Amino acid sequence: MRIYLVGFMGSGKTTFGRKLAQKLGYTFADLDERLAAQSGKTIPELFANLGEAEFRKLEQEVLHQTIADADVVVSTGGGTPCFFDNMAWMNTQGKTVYMHLDAKALANRLEHAKSPRPLLAGRNGEELLHFIEGKLAERQAFYQQANMMVSGIDLTPEKLLVYLEAAQVR
């Protein structure tokens, strides 16, 4: 089974995905980490050198490589579901979980994040919040195509497993 975690940057997909994979005895895959490893460049470098359009093409290639993984939890990039047919593809190749957080919670997390986020460069405070609100509005239609939506606040692997069982997703 492949489980794809989708949601805005800062929603906890990578942190939570590692815990969920461990709990299930699955492999964990972070698309950004795989993309950086394959390209030999960081995500900010790829964005800066290629631009978003070319970055998204590479991201899709790495996403499609997850088909080779049997039991895996995949943490996708925040924009991954919003390009090409990525969301539909993930829905046919596994189960998708939208980790939802509101804009204010995301802004708080992202303002204090340790790793740089190319789309957030130079934004903070109210400007960051307004940017996130706008991006969430653009992306919501894609995120909501997930098999299930869960709140990213206080989510545990155990809670998600209960949700998955109840929804007969697992």
Protein backbone atom coordinates (compact mmCIF):
# COMPACT_ATOMS: atom_id res chain seq x y z
CA MET A 1 0.00 0.00 0.00
CA ARG A 2 1.19 3.50 -0.85
CA ILE A 3 0.00 6.34 1.37
CA TYR A 4 0.53 9.84 -0.01
CA LEU A 5 0.44 12.71 2.46
CA VAL A 6 -0.63 16.00 0.88
CA GLY A 7 -1.09 19.47 2.28
CA PHE A 8 0.49 22.88 2.51
CA MET A 9 4.14 23.30 3.45
CA GLY A 10 4.50 23.24 7.21
CA SER A 11 1.50 20.97 7.76
CA GLY A 12 3.75 18.25 9.17
CA LYS A 13 3.78 15.79 6.29
CA THR A 14 7.45 14.84 6.65
CA THR A 15 7.59 14.70 10.44
CA PHE A 16 4.31 12.82 10.65
CA GLY A 17 5.09 10.63 7.65
CA ARG A 18 8.26 9.29 9.27
CA LYS A 19 6.31 8.36 12.42
CA LEU A 20 3.47 6.77 10.46
CA ALA A 21 5.85 4.72 8.32
CA GLN A 22 7.65 3.47 11.40
CA LYS A 23 4.35 2.55 13.09
CA LEU A 24 3.23 0.62 9.98
CA GLY A 25 6.62 -0.94 9.27
CA TYR A 26 6.60 0.83 5.90
CA THR A 27 9.34 2.67 4.06
CA PHE A 28 9.25 6.46 4.24
CA ALA A 29 9.85 8.65 1.19
CA ASP A 30 10.09 12.43 1.16
CA LEU A 31 9.75 13.71 -2.41
CA ASP A 32 11.89 16.78 -1.74
CA GLU A 33 14.67 14.63 -0.25
CA ARG A 34 14.55 12.22 -3.19
CA LEU A 35 14.56 15.06 -5.69
CA ALA A 36 17.53 16.72 -3.99
CA ALA A 37 19.43 13.43 -3.80
CA GLN A 38 18.84 12.62 -7.48
CA SER A 39 19.70 16.10 -8.71
CA GLY A 40 22.58 16.82 -6.34
CA LYS A 41 21.01 20.21 -5.59
CA THR A 42 18.87 21.56 -2.78
CA ILE A 43 15.22 22.42 -3.39
CA PRO A 44 15.95 26.19 -3.15
CA GLU A 45 18.78 25.76 -5.70
CA LEU A 46 16.52 23.84 -8.07
CA PHE A 47 13.80 26.49 -7.79
CA ALA A 48 16.30 29.30 -8.36
CA ASN A 49 18.09 27.61 -11.27
CA LEU A 50 15.14 26.03 -13.06
CA GLY A 51 12.11 28.08 -12.10
CA GLU A 52 8.91 26.58 -10.78
CA ALA A 53 7.68 25.05 -14.07
CA GLU A 54 10.81 22.95 -14.63
CA PHE A 55 11.01 22.10 -10.93
CA ARG A 56 7.45 20.73 -11.08
CA LYS A 57 8.36 18.49 -14.03
CA LEU A 58 11.25 16.97 -12.08
CA GLU A 59 9.03 16.63 -9.03
CA GLN A 60 6.47 14.69 -11.07
CA GLU A 61 9.18 12.32 -12.33
CA VAL A 62 10.23 11.57 -8.75
CA LEU A 63 6.59 11.16 -7.72
CA HIS A 64 6.06 8.59 -10.47
CA GLN A 65 9.10 6.66 -9.26
CA THR A 66 7.20 5.86 -6.05
CA ILE A 67 5.27 3.26 -8.04
CA ALA A 68 8.28 0.98 -7.44
CA ASP A 69 7.70 1.18 -3.67
CA ALA A 70 5.24 -1.34 -2.26
CA ASP A 71 4.55 -0.36 1.34
CA VAL A 72 5.50 3.29 1.62
CA VAL A 73 4.38 6.54 3.19
CA VAL A 74 5.20 9.41 0.83
CA SER A 75 5.47 13.01 1.97
CA THR A 76 4.73 15.18 -1.05
CA GLY A 77 5.68 18.79 -1.61
CA GLY A 78 2.98 21.34 -0.82
CA GLY A 79 2.42 22.07 -4.50
CA THR A 80 2.78 18.52 -5.80
CA PRO A 81 -0.98 17.76 -5.98
CA CYS A 82 -1.65 20.99 -7.87
CA PHE A 83 0.32 20.30 -11.04
CA PHE A 84 -0.30 18.09 -14.03
CA ASP A 85 -2.45 15.11 -13.06
CA ASN A 86 -0.51 14.43 -9.86
CA MET A 87 -3.49 14.28 -7.50
CA ALA A 88 -5.47 11.92 -9.73
CA TRP A 89 -2.34 9.81 -10.25
CA MET A 90 -1.74 9.49 -6.49
CA ASN A 91 -5.39 8.56 -5.95
CA THR A 92 -5.06 5.70 -8.45
CA GLN A 93 -1.67 4.49 -7.16
CA GLY A 94 -2.43 4.54 -3.44
CA LYS A 95 -4.37 6.34 -0.75
CA THR A 96 -4.13 10.08 -0.23
CA VAL A 97 -4.44 11.90 3.07
CA TYR A 98 -4.84 15.68 3.21
CA MET A 99 -3.20 17.02 6.37
CA HIS A 100 -5.16 20.22 6.90
CA LEU A 101 -4.12 23.22 8.99
CA ASP A 102 -5.56 26.72 8.82
CA ALA A 103 -3.49 29.61 7.48
CA LYS A 104 -2.73 31.08 10.90
CA ALA A 105 -1.35 27.79 12.26
CA LEU A 106 0.71 27.32 9.10
CA ALA A 107 2.09 30.87 9.27
CA ASN A 108 3.13 30.32 12.87
CA ARG A 109 4.92 27.07 12.01
CA LEU A 110 6.56 28.43 8.87
CA GLU A 111 7.76 31.66 10.44
CA HIS A 112 9.79 29.56 12.87
CA ALA A 113 10.85 26.82 10.42
CA LYS A 114 14.51 25.84 10.29
CA SER A 115 14.70 25.03 6.58
CA PRO A 116 14.25 27.68 3.88
CA ARG A 117 11.13 27.56 1.72
CA PRO A 118 11.63 29.07 -1.75
CA LEU A 119 8.07 30.35 -2.09
CA LEU A 120 8.27 32.11 1.29
CA ALA A 121 11.59 33.92 0.84
CA GLY A 122 11.48 37.35 2.47
CA ARG A 123 7.93 36.99 3.82
CA ASN A 124 6.98 37.21 7.48
CA GLY A 125 4.22 38.44 9.76
CA GLU A 126 1.04 39.64 8.05
CA GLU A 127 2.61 39.36 4.60
CA LEU A 128 3.34 35.68 5.24
CA LEU A 129 -0.19 35.07 6.52
CA HIS A 130 -1.79 36.74 3.48
CA PHE A 131 0.47 34.79 1.13
CA ILE A 132 -0.51 31.50 2.79
CA GLU A 133 -4.21 32.40 2.71
CA GLY A 134 -3.97 33.08 -1.02
CA LYS A 135 -2.03 29.91 -1.80
CA LEU A 136 -4.38 27.79 0.31
CA ALA A 137 -7.34 29.21 -1.60
CA GLU A 138 -5.64 28.26 -4.90
CA ARG A 139 -4.70 24.77 -3.75
CA GLN A 140 -7.77 23.77 -1.73
CA ALA A 141 -9.59 22.21 -4.70
CA PHE A 142 -6.63 19.88 -5.29
CA TYR A 143 -6.07 18.99 -1.64
CA GLN A 144 -9.76 18.19 -1.19
CA GLN A 145 -9.55 15.47 -3.83
CA ALA A 146 -7.68 13.34 -1.29
CA ASN A 147 -9.27 10.12 -0.08
CA MET A 148 -9.47 11.60 3.39
CA MET A 149 -8.85 14.86 5.22
CA VAL A 150 -7.47 15.03 8.75
CA SER A 151 -6.51 17.90 11.01
CA GLY A 152 -2.75 18.28 11.28
CA ILE A 153 -3.11 19.56 14.86
CA ASP A 154 -2.39 16.87 17.46
CA LEU A 155 -2.47 14.12 14.84
CA THR A 156 -0.78 10.88 15.85
CA PRO A 157 -0.07 7.78 13.76
CA GLU A 158 -2.49 5.89 15.99
CA LYS A 159 -5.30 8.38 15.29
CA LEU A 160 -4.68 8.25 11.55
CA LEU A 161 -4.69 4.44 11.59
CA VAL A 162 -8.11 4.53 13.28
CA TYR A 163 -9.36 6.97 10.61
CA LEU A 164 -7.93 4.81 7.84
CA GLU A 165 -9.53 1.67 9.26
CA ALA A 166 -12.90 3.41 9.72
CA ALA A 167 -12.80 4.70 6.16
CA GLN A 168 -11.62 1.29 4.93
CA VAL A 169 -8.70 3.07 3.27
CA ARG A 170 -5.99 0.82 4.60
